[in-house]
Amino acid sequence: MASKITPLLFRALVEMCEVHSSKVVRGNPNRANIRHLGSCGVLSARRATLPLSSPLRTTPSRSFINLAASITARRMEYSESRTLGYTPEQMYSVVASVDQYQHFVPWCKKSRVVKGRKGDVRAQLEIGFPPIVERYTSEVTVVPNHQVRAVCTDGSLFSHLETIWRFAPAAEDQPDSCNIDFHVSFEFRSLLHSQLATLFFDEVVKQMVNAFESRAAKLYRGHHTPSRRRQRGGEQHEKTPTH
């Protein structure tokens, strides 16, 4: 009986060692020559020295969500320059009045200034893309009659949002006019919100200058002359470590 059991036991030990050795090799090919202590150490070390019929390659796994995020999570930028029939002071006043955005900025449902200090304000805005409505806070820094810069500081909608408006007098032959430069860059925080990128880009960002020009026309009716667009461009960029 013992003579019959011994070969079976030996075969079982060999099979266990083979399974253990193959797991080690698959898990870390660089450890193929490591000797394993135990009753089957000699067997596992011996099998590890045998040449493999085909090299094992490990492919890093990536979940669907991470893969999709790497594709869709992009920083987008847009720049536009125009000559408008309003003075720099008038256009600056329109852009700097953040609390009025809810009345004319596309998709802006609420806008409220919650803090002001030496020309700087903290504004809370609510933007709605039905059925999604999100709130975020921006720090608004101004250089009177020259520049308005807003940077998103918190919120679940954007991981990055920065807008910059610059105003300068137009040419001497265009009195009561100004040159405006508008630049915005943004990136949504989540994969779900990233699906809104195209909608936000087309329906909000590209319409922004038009919205502010229309607001100026309403406030300063009679002073308006047709605008001239000097350049317009929209770009989409991958996020880089330098940002």
C-alpha atoms as a PDB file:
ATOM      1  CA  MET A   1       0.000   0.000   0.000  1.00  0.00           C
ATOM      2  CA  ALA A   2       2.841   2.358   0.884  1.00  0.00           C
ATOM      3  CA  SER A   3       4.497   1.691  -2.465  1.00  0.00           C
ATOM      4  CA  LYS A   4       1.318   2.751  -4.241  1.00  0.00           C
ATOM      5  CA  ILE A   5       0.730   5.895  -2.182  1.00  0.00           C
ATOM      6  CA  THR A   6       4.279   7.234  -2.467  1.00  0.00           C
ATOM      7  CA  PRO A   7       4.252   7.759  -6.269  1.00  0.00           C
ATOM      8  CA  LEU A   8       0.855   9.464  -6.011  1.00  0.00           C
ATOM      9  CA  LEU A   9       2.060  11.726  -3.232  1.00  0.00           C
ATOM     10  CA  PHE A  10       5.235  12.526  -5.146  1.00  0.00           C
ATOM     11  CA  ARG A  11       3.216  13.369  -8.265  1.00  0.00           C
ATOM     12  CA  ALA A  12       0.945  15.644  -6.229  1.00  0.00           C
ATOM     13  CA  LEU A  13       3.952  17.448  -4.797  1.00  0.00           C
ATOM     14  CA  VAL A  14       5.392  17.927  -8.272  1.00  0.00           C
ATOM     15  CA  GLU A  15       2.118  19.353  -9.567  1.00  0.00           C
ATOM     16  CA  MET A  16       1.855  21.720  -6.591  1.00  0.00           C
ATOM     17  CA  CYS A  17       5.372  22.920  -7.203  1.00  0.00           C
ATOM     18  CA  GLU A  18       4.673  23.456 -10.895  1.00  0.00           C
ATOM     19  CA  VAL A  19       1.614  25.555 -10.127  1.00  0.00           C
ATOM     20  CA  HIS A  20       3.487  27.560  -7.513  1.00  0.00           C
ATOM     21  CA  SER A  21       6.444  28.121  -9.805  1.00  0.00           C
ATOM     22  CA  SER A  22       4.274  29.229 -12.743  1.00  0.00           C
ATOM     23  CA  LYS A  23       2.475  31.752 -10.505  1.00  0.00           C
ATOM     24  CA  VAL A  24       5.759  33.250  -9.408  1.00  0.00           C
ATOM     25  CA  VAL A  25       7.000  33.526 -12.976  1.00  0.00           C
ATOM     26  CA  ARG A  26       3.759  35.104 -14.172  1.00  0.00           C
ATOM     27  CA  GLY A  27       3.657  37.540 -11.279  1.00  0.00           C
ATOM     28  CA  ASN A  28       7.264  38.691 -11.648  1.00  0.00           C
ATOM     29  CA  PRO A  29       9.473  37.342 -14.474  1.00  0.00           C
ATOM     30  CA  ASN A  30      12.564  38.872 -12.865  1.00  0.00           C
ATOM     31  CA  ARG A  31      12.214  36.490  -9.946  1.00  0.00           C
ATOM     32  CA  ALA A  32      12.291  33.337 -12.085  1.00  0.00           C
ATOM     33  CA  ASN A  33      15.634  32.161 -10.633  1.00  0.00           C
ATOM     34  CA  ILE A  34      14.737  32.712  -6.984  1.00  0.00           C
ATOM     35  CA  ARG A  35      14.877  29.500  -4.968  1.00  0.00           C
ATOM     36  CA  HIS A  36      11.842  28.808  -2.787  1.00  0.00           C
ATOM     37  CA  LEU A  37      12.364  27.168   0.565  1.00  0.00           C
ATOM     38  CA  GLY A  38      10.276  24.175   1.504  1.00  0.00           C
ATOM     39  CA  SER A  39       9.864  20.537   0.768  1.00  0.00           C
ATOM     40  CA  CYS A  40       9.663  21.186  -2.985  1.00  0.00           C
ATOM     41  CA  GLY A  41      12.304  23.903  -3.156  1.00  0.00           C
ATOM     42  CA  VAL A  42      14.670  21.870  -5.300  1.00  0.00           C
ATOM     43  CA  LEU A  43      11.979  21.069  -7.804  1.00  0.00           C
ATOM     44  CA  SER A  44      10.786  24.658  -8.132  1.00  0.00           C
ATOM     45  CA  ALA A  45      14.312  26.011  -8.523  1.00  0.00           C
ATOM     46  CA  ARG A  46      15.095  23.424 -11.162  1.00  0.00           C
ATOM     47  CA  ARG A  47      11.988  24.223 -13.185  1.00  0.00           C
ATOM     48  CA  ALA A  48      12.687  27.937 -12.958  1.00  0.00           C
ATOM     49  CA  THR A  49      15.966  27.474 -14.803  1.00  0.00           C
ATOM     50  CA  LEU A  50      14.273  25.854 -17.789  1.00  0.00           C
ATOM     51  CA  PRO A  51      13.877  28.108 -20.833  1.00  0.00           C
ATOM     52  CA  LEU A  52      10.353  29.335 -21.401  1.00  0.00           C
ATOM     53  CA  SER A  53       8.782  28.533 -24.735  1.00  0.00           C
ATOM     54  CA  SER A  54       7.567  32.138 -25.125  1.00  0.00           C
ATOM     55  CA  PRO A  55       8.407  35.225 -23.085  1.00  0.00           C
ATOM     56  CA  LEU A  56       5.714  36.368 -20.704  1.00  0.00           C
ATOM     57  CA  ARG A  57       4.649  39.956 -21.113  1.00  0.00           C
ATOM     58  CA  THR A  58       2.735  41.833 -18.495  1.00  0.00           C
ATOM     59  CA  THR A  59       0.257  44.409 -19.719  1.00  0.00           C
ATOM     60  CA  PRO A  60      -0.748  47.030 -17.163  1.00  0.00           C
ATOM     61  CA  SER A  61      -4.455  46.909 -16.586  1.00  0.00           C
ATOM     62  CA  ARG A  62      -6.577  50.051 -16.802  1.00  0.00           C
ATOM     63  CA  SER A  63     -10.195  50.314 -15.872  1.00  0.00           C
ATOM     64  CA  PHE A  64     -12.739  51.633 -18.354  1.00  0.00           C
ATOM     65  CA  ILE A  65     -13.309  54.772 -16.296  1.00  0.00           C
ATOM     66  CA  ASN A  66      -9.620  55.626 -16.160  1.00  0.00           C
ATOM     67  CA  LEU A  67      -9.233  54.930 -19.858  1.00  0.00           C
ATOM     68  CA  ALA A  68     -12.183  57.137 -20.719  1.00  0.00           C
ATOM     69  CA  ALA A  69     -10.933  59.858 -18.413  1.00  0.00           C
ATOM     70  CA  SER A  70      -7.562  59.901 -20.156  1.00  0.00           C
ATOM     71  CA  ILE A  71      -9.374  60.432 -23.446  1.00  0.00           C
ATOM     72  CA  THR A  72     -11.956  63.008 -22.433  1.00  0.00           C
ATOM     73  CA  ALA A  73     -10.324  64.907 -19.583  1.00  0.00           C
ATOM     74  CA  ARG A  74      -8.770  67.681 -21.620  1.00  0.00           C
ATOM     75  CA  ARG A  75      -8.058  71.301 -21.042  1.00  0.00           C
ATOM     76  CA  MET A  76      -9.720  73.475 -23.643  1.00  0.00           C
ATOM     77  CA  GLU A  77      -8.833  77.043 -24.564  1.00  0.00           C
ATOM     78  CA  TYR A  78     -10.439  79.783 -26.575  1.00  0.00           C
ATOM     79  CA  SER A  79      -9.289  83.286 -27.528  1.00  0.00           C
ATOM     80  CA  GLU A  80     -11.056  86.084 -29.342  1.00  0.00           C
ATOM     81  CA  SER A  81     -10.242  89.712 -30.142  1.00  0.00           C
ATOM     82  CA  ARG A  82     -12.605  92.398 -31.358  1.00  0.00           C
ATOM     83  CA  THR A  83     -12.978  96.116 -31.789  1.00  0.00           C
ATOM     84  CA  LEU A  84     -16.247  97.231 -30.178  1.00  0.00           C
ATOM     85  CA  GLY A  85     -18.081 100.512 -30.398  1.00  0.00           C
ATOM     86  CA  TYR A  86     -17.807 101.202 -26.674  1.00  0.00           C
ATOM     87  CA  THR A  87     -15.139 102.820 -24.567  1.00  0.00           C
ATOM     88  CA  PRO A  88     -12.771 100.699 -22.488  1.00  0.00           C
ATOM     89  CA  GLU A  89     -14.471 102.079 -19.381  1.00  0.00           C
ATOM     90  CA  GLN A  90     -17.892 100.944 -20.578  1.00  0.00           C
ATOM     91  CA  MET A  91     -16.825  97.416 -21.471  1.00  0.00           C
ATOM     92  CA  TYR A  92     -14.835  97.109 -18.272  1.00  0.00           C
ATOM     93  CA  SER A  93     -17.926  98.076 -16.288  1.00  0.00           C
ATOM     94  CA  VAL A  94     -19.984  95.380 -18.007  1.00  0.00           C
ATOM     95  CA  VAL A  95     -17.421  92.629 -17.421  1.00  0.00           C
ATOM     96  CA  ALA A  96     -16.585  93.652 -13.848  1.00  0.00           C
ATOM     97  CA  SER A  97     -20.240  93.608 -12.768  1.00  0.00           C
ATOM     98  CA  VAL A  98     -20.167  89.906 -11.909  1.00  0.00           C
ATOM     99  CA  ASP A  99     -23.357  90.102  -9.882  1.00  0.00           C
ATOM    100  CA  GLN A 100     -25.233  90.905 -13.105  1.00  0.00           C
ATOM    101  CA  TYR A 101     -24.038  87.841 -15.020  1.00  0.00           C
ATOM    102  CA  GLN A 102     -27.225  85.946 -14.235  1.00  0.00           C
ATOM    103  CA  HIS A 103     -29.137  88.374 -16.443  1.00  0.00           C
ATOM    104  CA  PHE A 104     -27.187  87.901 -19.664  1.00  0.00           C
ATOM    105  CA  VAL A 105     -24.342  85.334 -19.513  1.00  0.00           C
ATOM    106  CA  PRO A 106     -25.346  82.094 -21.288  1.00  0.00           C
ATOM    107  CA  TRP A 107     -26.447  79.322 -18.919  1.00  0.00           C
ATOM    108  CA  CYS A 108     -25.609  81.402 -15.823  1.00  0.00           C
ATOM    109  CA  LYS A 109     -28.518  80.920 -13.420  1.00  0.00           C
ATOM    110  CA  LYS A 110     -27.231  82.827 -10.398  1.00  0.00           C
ATOM    111  CA  SER A 111     -24.346  85.184  -9.678  1.00  0.00           C
ATOM    112  CA  ARG A 112     -23.569  86.735  -6.345  1.00  0.00           C
ATOM    113  CA  VAL A 113     -20.633  88.699  -4.994  1.00  0.00           C
ATOM    114  CA  VAL A 114     -19.897  87.439  -1.503  1.00  0.00           C
ATOM    115  CA  LYS A 115     -16.721  89.302  -0.691  1.00  0.00           C
ATOM    116  CA  GLY A 116     -15.015  92.444  -1.893  1.00  0.00           C
ATOM    117  CA  ARG A 117     -11.673  93.928  -0.903  1.00  0.00           C
ATOM    118  CA  LYS A 118      -9.601  96.598  -2.618  1.00  0.00           C
ATOM    119  CA  GLY A 119     -10.983  95.884  -6.052  1.00  0.00           C
ATOM    120  CA  ASP A 120     -10.951  92.099  -5.621  1.00  0.00           C
ATOM    121  CA  VAL A 121     -14.170  90.144  -5.252  1.00  0.00           C
ATOM    122  CA  ARG A 122     -15.192  86.584  -4.522  1.00  0.00           C
ATOM    123  CA  ALA A 123     -18.140  85.555  -6.632  1.00  0.00           C
ATOM    124  CA  GLN A 124     -20.407  82.540  -6.378  1.00  0.00           C
ATOM    125  CA  LEU A 125     -21.940  81.439  -9.659  1.00  0.00           C
ATOM    126  CA  GLU A 126     -24.415  78.767 -10.593  1.00  0.00           C
ATOM    127  CA  ILE A 127     -24.326  77.349 -14.075  1.00  0.00           C
ATOM    128  CA  GLY A 128     -26.975  75.044 -15.426  1.00  0.00           C
ATOM    129  CA  PHE A 129     -26.910  72.414 -18.146  1.00  0.00           C
ATOM    130  CA  PRO A 130     -30.215  70.625 -17.564  1.00  0.00           C
ATOM    131  CA  PRO A 131     -30.451  68.331 -15.770  1.00  0.00           C
ATOM    132  CA  ILE A 132     -27.117  69.322 -14.208  1.00  0.00           C
ATOM    133  CA  VAL A 133     -26.817  72.492 -12.161  1.00  0.00           C
ATOM    134  CA  GLU A 134     -23.491  73.235 -10.478  1.00  0.00           C
ATOM    135  CA  ARG A 135     -22.092  76.001  -8.310  1.00  0.00           C
ATOM    136  CA  TYR A 136     -18.544  77.253  -8.130  1.00  0.00           C
ATOM    137  CA  THR A 137     -16.596  80.155  -6.661  1.00  0.00           C
ATOM    138  CA  SER A 138     -14.298  82.498  -8.548  1.00  0.00           C
ATOM    139  CA  GLU A 139     -11.705  84.960  -7.366  1.00  0.00           C
ATOM    140  CA  VAL A 140     -12.057  88.063  -9.522  1.00  0.00           C
ATOM    141  CA  THR A 141      -9.093  90.414  -9.802  1.00  0.00           C
ATOM    142  CA  VAL A 142      -9.407  93.685 -11.675  1.00  0.00           C
ATOM    143  CA  VAL A 143      -7.239  96.443 -13.048  1.00  0.00           C
ATOM    144  CA  PRO A 144      -9.822  99.228 -13.470  1.00  0.00           C
ATOM    145  CA  ASN A 145     -10.652  99.927 -17.115  1.00  0.00           C
ATOM    146  CA  HIS A 146      -7.896  97.592 -18.296  1.00  0.00           C
ATOM    147  CA  GLN A 147      -8.372  93.984 -17.170  1.00  0.00           C
ATOM    148  CA  VAL A 148     -10.702  91.544 -15.430  1.00  0.00           C
ATOM    149  CA  ARG A 149      -9.398  88.105 -14.452  1.00  0.00           C
ATOM    150  CA  ALA A 150     -11.469  85.351 -12.832  1.00  0.00           C
ATOM    151  CA  VAL A 151     -10.102  82.050 -11.512  1.00  0.00           C
ATOM    152  CA  CYS A 152     -12.214  79.200 -10.176  1.00  0.00           C
ATOM    153  CA  THR A 153     -11.121  78.364  -6.640  1.00  0.00           C
ATOM    154  CA  ASP A 154     -13.523  75.590  -5.666  1.00  0.00           C
ATOM    155  CA  GLY A 155     -16.480  73.593  -6.838  1.00  0.00           C
ATOM    156  CA  SER A 156     -17.214  70.164  -8.223  1.00  0.00           C
ATOM    157  CA  LEU A 157     -17.646  71.303 -11.809  1.00  0.00           C
ATOM    158  CA  PHE A 158     -14.195  72.539 -12.860  1.00  0.00           C
ATOM    159  CA  SER A 159     -10.710  71.408 -11.985  1.00  0.00           C
ATOM    160  CA  HIS A 160      -9.519  74.515 -13.848  1.00  0.00           C
ATOM    161  CA  LEU A 161     -11.308  77.622 -15.092  1.00  0.00           C
ATOM    162  CA  GLU A 162      -9.679  80.949 -15.882  1.00  0.00           C
ATOM    163  CA  THR A 163     -11.032  83.863 -17.884  1.00  0.00           C
ATOM    164  CA  ILE A 164      -9.165  87.023 -18.783  1.00  0.00           C
ATOM    165  CA  TRP A 165     -10.592  90.166 -20.364  1.00  0.00           C
ATOM    166  CA  ARG A 166      -8.357  93.002 -21.524  1.00  0.00           C
ATOM    167  CA  PHE A 167      -9.471  96.412 -22.767  1.00  0.00           C
ATOM    168  CA  ALA A 168      -7.554  99.075 -24.673  1.00  0.00           C
ATOM    169  CA  PRO A 169      -8.489 102.203 -26.655  1.00  0.00           C
ATOM    170  CA  ALA A 170      -9.045 101.612 -30.351  1.00  0.00           C
ATOM    171  CA  ALA A 171      -7.304 103.511 -33.130  1.00  0.00           C
ATOM    172  CA  GLU A 172      -7.531 107.296 -33.173  1.00  0.00           C
ATOM    173  CA  ASP A 173      -9.921 107.199 -36.113  1.00  0.00           C
ATOM    174  CA  GLN A 174     -12.340 105.108 -34.011  1.00  0.00           C
ATOM    175  CA  PRO A 175     -13.387 107.337 -31.114  1.00  0.00           C
ATOM    176  CA  ASP A 176     -15.513 105.848 -28.353  1.00  0.00           C
ATOM    177  CA  SER A 177     -14.339 102.380 -29.334  1.00  0.00           C
ATOM    178  CA  CYS A 178     -12.052  99.838 -27.729  1.00  0.00           C
ATOM    179  CA  ASN A 179     -10.123  96.695 -28.503  1.00  0.00           C
ATOM    180  CA  ILE A 180     -11.027  93.750 -26.317  1.00  0.00           C
ATOM    181  CA  ASP A 181      -9.132  90.514 -25.877  1.00  0.00           C
ATOM    182  CA  PHE A 182     -10.951  87.582 -24.337  1.00  0.00           C
ATOM    183  CA  HIS A 183      -9.271  84.345 -23.284  1.00  0.00           C
ATOM    184  CA  VAL A 184     -10.665  81.371 -21.392  1.00  0.00           C
ATOM    185  CA  SER A 185      -9.231  77.979 -20.484  1.00  0.00           C
ATOM    186  CA  PHE A 186     -11.137  75.276 -18.653  1.00  0.00           C
ATOM    187  CA  GLU A 187     -11.131  71.634 -17.702  1.00  0.00           C
ATOM    188  CA  PHE A 188     -13.954  69.709 -16.103  1.00  0.00           C
ATOM    189  CA  ARG A 189     -13.226  67.836 -12.912  1.00  0.00           C
ATOM    190  CA  SER A 190     -15.055  64.566 -13.536  1.00  0.00           C
ATOM    191  CA  LEU A 191     -15.610  62.212 -16.434  1.00  0.00           C
ATOM    192  CA  LEU A 192     -19.346  62.871 -16.281  1.00  0.00           C
ATOM    193  CA  HIS A 193     -18.872  66.613 -16.572  1.00  0.00           C
ATOM    194  CA  SER A 194     -16.286  66.160 -19.312  1.00  0.00           C
ATOM    195  CA  GLN A 195     -19.092  64.958 -21.545  1.00  0.00           C
ATOM    196  CA  LEU A 196     -20.372  68.545 -21.387  1.00  0.00           C
ATOM    197  CA  ALA A 197     -17.148  69.994 -22.774  1.00  0.00           C
ATOM    198  CA  THR A 198     -18.370  70.398 -26.358  1.00  0.00           C
ATOM    199  CA  LEU A 199     -21.695  71.842 -25.259  1.00  0.00           C
ATOM    200  CA  PHE A 200     -20.003  74.274 -22.885  1.00  0.00           C
ATOM    201  CA  PHE A 201     -17.465  75.251 -25.524  1.00  0.00           C
ATOM    202  CA  ASP A 202     -20.020  75.931 -28.264  1.00  0.00           C
ATOM    203  CA  GLU A 203     -22.945  77.313 -26.284  1.00  0.00           C
ATOM    204  CA  VAL A 204     -21.116  79.337 -23.637  1.00  0.00           C
ATOM    205  CA  VAL A 205     -17.498  80.052 -24.467  1.00  0.00           C
ATOM    206  CA  LYS A 206     -17.952  80.938 -28.132  1.00  0.00           C
ATOM    207  CA  GLN A 207     -20.963  83.111 -27.320  1.00  0.00           C
ATOM    208  CA  MET A 208     -19.364  84.967 -24.434  1.00  0.00           C
ATOM    209  CA  VAL A 209     -18.158  88.073 -26.284  1.00  0.00           C
ATOM    210  CA  ASN A 210     -21.498  88.355 -28.078  1.00  0.00           C
ATOM    211  CA  ALA A 211     -23.307  88.222 -24.743  1.00  0.00           C
ATOM    212  CA  PHE A 212     -21.215  91.013 -23.241  1.00  0.00           C
ATOM    213  CA  GLU A 213     -21.499  93.119 -26.387  1.00  0.00           C
ATOM    214  CA  SER A 214     -25.287  92.731 -26.289  1.00  0.00           C
ATOM    215  CA  ARG A 215     -25.262  93.736 -22.642  1.00  0.00           C
ATOM    216  CA  ALA A 216     -23.284  96.858 -23.483  1.00  0.00           C
ATOM    217  CA  ALA A 217     -25.750  97.679 -26.255  1.00  0.00           C
ATOM    218  CA  LYS A 218     -28.605  97.499 -23.759  1.00  0.00           C
ATOM    219  CA  LEU A 219     -26.836  99.697 -21.199  1.00  0.00           C
ATOM    220  CA  TYR A 220     -25.293 102.212 -23.576  1.00  0.00           C
ATOM    221  CA  ARG A 221     -27.802 102.278 -26.394  1.00  0.00           C
ATOM    222  CA  GLY A 222     -27.044 105.106 -28.824  1.00  0.00           C
ATOM    223  CA  HIS A 223     -23.280 104.782 -28.336  1.00  0.00           C
ATOM    224  CA  HIS A 224     -22.988 101.537 -30.244  1.00  0.00           C
ATOM    225  CA  THR A 225     -21.134 101.154 -33.522  1.00  0.00           C
ATOM    226  CA  PRO A 226     -20.698  97.812 -35.297  1.00  0.00           C
ATOM    227  CA  SER A 227     -17.921  95.643 -33.919  1.00  0.00           C
ATOM    228  CA  ARG A 228     -15.033  94.368 -35.981  1.00  0.00           C
ATOM    229  CA  ARG A 229     -13.583  91.005 -35.221  1.00  0.00           C
ATOM    230  CA  ARG A 230      -9.834  90.981 -35.646  1.00  0.00           C
ATOM    231  CA  GLN A 231      -9.346  87.314 -34.957  1.00  0.00           C
ATOM    232  CA  ARG A 232     -11.122  84.379 -33.505  1.00  0.00           C
ATOM    233  CA  GLY A 233      -9.894  80.956 -32.656  1.00  0.00           C
ATOM    234  CA  GLY A 234     -10.722  77.917 -30.604  1.00  0.00           C
ATOM    235  CA  GLU A 235      -8.190  75.319 -29.575  1.00  0.00           C
ATOM    236  CA  GLN A 236      -8.270  72.111 -27.618  1.00  0.00           C
ATOM    237  CA  HIS A 237      -5.147  70.983 -25.771  1.00  0.00           C
ATOM    238  CA  GLU A 238      -4.083  68.000 -23.751  1.00  0.00           C
ATOM    239  CA  LYS A 239      -3.340  68.863 -20.173  1.00  0.00           C
ATOM    240  CA  THR A 240       0.363  69.216 -19.561  1.00  0.00           C
ATOM    241  CA  PRO A 241       2.266  69.114 -16.275  1.00  0.00           C
ATOM    242  CA  THR A 242       3.235  72.761 -16.661  1.00  0.00           C
ATOM    243  CA  HIS A 243      -0.336  73.994 -16.087  1.00  0.00           C
END
